[in-house]
Amino acid sequence: MKQLIAALTLTFAFAGNALALDKEPFTEARFAALQAAGEVVLIDVFADWCSTCKKQQEVLQQYRAANPDKNFYILEVNFDDDKQLVRQLRAPRQSTLLLYSGENQFWYSVAETRPEVIGAELDKAIKASL
């Protein structure tokens, strides 16, 4: 019985990780490389304590799960720790999303949590990059 519980726990742990949202820390070099390659990049300015940011993460995770064939990158910026970068991006607050398709800024949003809006903007940017 203990082995069964351990196996189920391990299975759920891996399943949870499989659904985790792939994000990476923002760096100028990574952002420039992705832009030069014509990739779709979503910059996520977040704060760990922000409930709106948590909702945005859920929406992005749901979008990624529903659209595994749609390629885009998420670069995250910590609102509390990366103040210089927050100013450079002109993010007025946490929960700011900036969407780029290649070199062009495609969309900018503050506190947007509606799945249909975020999904539609990602769809348009991905389609524009093809």
Protein backbone atom coordinates (compact mmCIF):
# COMPACT_ATOMS: atom_id res chain seq x y z
CA MET A 1 0.00 0.00 0.00
CA LYS A 2 2.85 2.41 0.84
CA GLN A 3 4.38 1.70 -2.58
CA LEU A 4 1.09 2.51 -4.31
CA ILE A 5 0.76 5.80 -2.44
CA ALA A 6 4.37 6.68 -3.24
CA ALA A 7 3.84 5.86 -6.92
CA LEU A 8 0.66 7.94 -7.12
CA THR A 9 2.34 10.85 -5.37
CA LEU A 10 5.24 10.71 -7.81
CA THR A 11 2.86 10.48 -10.78
CA PHE A 12 0.91 13.55 -9.67
CA ALA A 13 4.13 15.45 -9.00
CA PHE A 14 5.33 14.81 -12.56
CA ALA A 15 1.90 15.59 -14.01
CA GLY A 16 1.90 18.91 -12.19
CA ASN A 17 5.32 19.74 -13.57
CA ALA A 18 4.21 18.79 -17.07
CA LEU A 19 1.51 21.44 -16.83
CA ALA A 20 3.83 24.04 -15.35
CA LEU A 21 4.16 27.24 -17.32
CA ASP A 22 7.53 27.48 -19.04
CA LYS A 23 9.02 30.84 -18.14
CA GLU A 24 12.53 32.16 -17.94
CA PRO A 25 14.06 35.24 -16.37
CA PHE A 26 14.28 38.28 -18.62
CA THR A 27 17.74 39.18 -19.85
CA GLU A 28 18.55 41.74 -22.53
CA ALA A 29 20.60 39.14 -24.42
CA ARG A 30 17.85 36.51 -24.44
CA PHE A 31 15.19 39.04 -25.42
CA ALA A 32 17.34 40.39 -28.27
CA ALA A 33 18.08 36.87 -29.53
CA LEU A 34 14.41 35.90 -29.53
CA GLN A 35 13.44 39.13 -31.29
CA ALA A 36 16.15 38.67 -33.92
CA ALA A 37 14.84 35.16 -34.57
CA GLY A 38 11.33 36.59 -35.13
CA GLU A 39 9.87 34.76 -32.13
CA VAL A 40 6.78 35.74 -30.16
CA VAL A 41 7.78 36.91 -26.68
CA LEU A 42 5.52 37.76 -23.78
CA ILE A 43 7.20 39.81 -21.06
CA ASP A 44 5.44 39.19 -17.78
CA VAL A 45 6.01 41.85 -15.10
CA PHE A 46 4.84 40.14 -11.94
CA ALA A 47 5.03 40.18 -8.15
CA ASP A 48 4.78 37.08 -5.98
CA TRP A 49 2.17 38.73 -3.74
CA CYS A 50 -0.04 39.93 -6.62
CA SER A 51 -3.39 38.13 -6.96
CA THR A 52 -3.93 39.55 -10.47
CA CYS A 53 -0.53 38.14 -11.50
CA LYS A 54 -1.56 34.73 -10.19
CA LYS A 55 -4.74 34.87 -12.28
CA GLN A 56 -2.70 35.83 -15.35
CA GLN A 57 -0.44 32.82 -14.73
CA GLU A 58 -3.49 30.55 -14.62
CA VAL A 59 -4.78 32.01 -17.89
CA LEU A 60 -1.38 31.57 -19.58
CA GLN A 61 -1.10 28.02 -18.28
CA GLN A 62 -4.56 27.19 -19.63
CA TYR A 63 -3.70 28.75 -22.99
CA ARG A 64 -0.45 26.78 -23.20
CA ALA A 65 -2.25 23.53 -22.29
CA ALA A 66 -4.99 24.13 -24.87
CA ASN A 67 -2.51 25.21 -27.59
CA PRO A 68 0.64 23.07 -27.24
CA ASP A 69 1.48 23.61 -30.92
CA LYS A 70 1.62 27.41 -30.62
CA ASN A 71 5.13 28.60 -29.95
CA PHE A 72 5.85 31.61 -27.77
CA TYR A 73 8.27 32.48 -25.00
CA ILE A 74 7.58 34.04 -21.63
CA LEU A 75 10.28 36.18 -20.07
CA GLU A 76 9.50 37.25 -16.53
CA VAL A 77 10.46 40.42 -14.72
CA ASN A 78 10.07 40.62 -10.95
CA PHE A 79 8.36 43.93 -10.19
CA ASP A 80 9.91 44.16 -6.72
CA ASP A 81 13.46 43.04 -7.55
CA ASP A 82 14.05 44.46 -11.05
CA LYS A 83 13.06 48.12 -10.63
CA GLN A 84 15.45 49.42 -13.30
CA LEU A 85 14.07 46.99 -15.86
CA VAL A 86 10.49 47.80 -14.79
CA ARG A 87 11.20 51.49 -15.50
CA GLN A 88 12.89 50.65 -18.80
CA LEU A 89 9.83 48.67 -19.90
CA ARG A 90 7.56 51.48 -18.66
CA ALA A 91 5.50 49.01 -16.66
CA PRO A 92 3.30 51.12 -14.39
CA ARG A 93 2.68 48.24 -12.00
CA GLN A 94 2.88 44.52 -11.50
CA SER A 95 0.56 42.46 -13.73
CA THR A 96 1.85 44.23 -16.85
CA LEU A 97 2.08 42.09 -19.98
CA LEU A 98 4.07 43.17 -23.04
CA LEU A 99 3.76 41.05 -26.17
CA TYR A 100 6.28 41.19 -29.01
CA SER A 101 6.26 39.55 -32.40
CA GLY A 102 9.84 39.74 -33.59
CA GLU A 103 11.08 43.31 -33.23
CA ASN A 104 7.61 44.85 -32.94
CA GLN A 105 5.66 45.43 -29.78
CA PHE A 106 2.35 43.84 -30.56
CA TRP A 107 0.29 44.39 -27.40
CA TYR A 108 0.58 46.01 -23.98
CA SER A 109 -1.74 45.35 -21.06
CA VAL A 110 -2.03 46.14 -17.38
CA ALA A 111 -4.06 43.81 -15.14
CA GLU A 112 -5.77 41.96 -17.99
CA THR A 113 -7.06 38.57 -16.80
CA ARG A 114 -9.78 37.66 -19.30
CA PRO A 115 -8.72 34.42 -21.02
CA GLU A 116 -10.45 35.39 -24.27
CA VAL A 117 -8.52 38.68 -24.50
CA ILE A 118 -5.09 37.27 -23.61
CA GLY A 119 -5.65 34.26 -25.87
CA ALA A 120 -6.78 36.39 -28.79
CA GLU A 121 -3.73 38.64 -28.54
CA LEU A 122 -1.38 35.65 -28.36
CA ASP A 123 -3.14 34.10 -31.36
CA LYS A 124 -2.76 37.32 -33.39
CA ALA A 125 0.93 37.69 -32.50
CA ILE A 126 1.67 34.05 -33.30
CA LYS A 127 -0.18 34.30 -36.61
CA ALA A 128 1.74 37.50 -37.46
CA SER A 129 5.05 35.76 -36.82
CA LEU A 130 4.38 32.95 -39.32
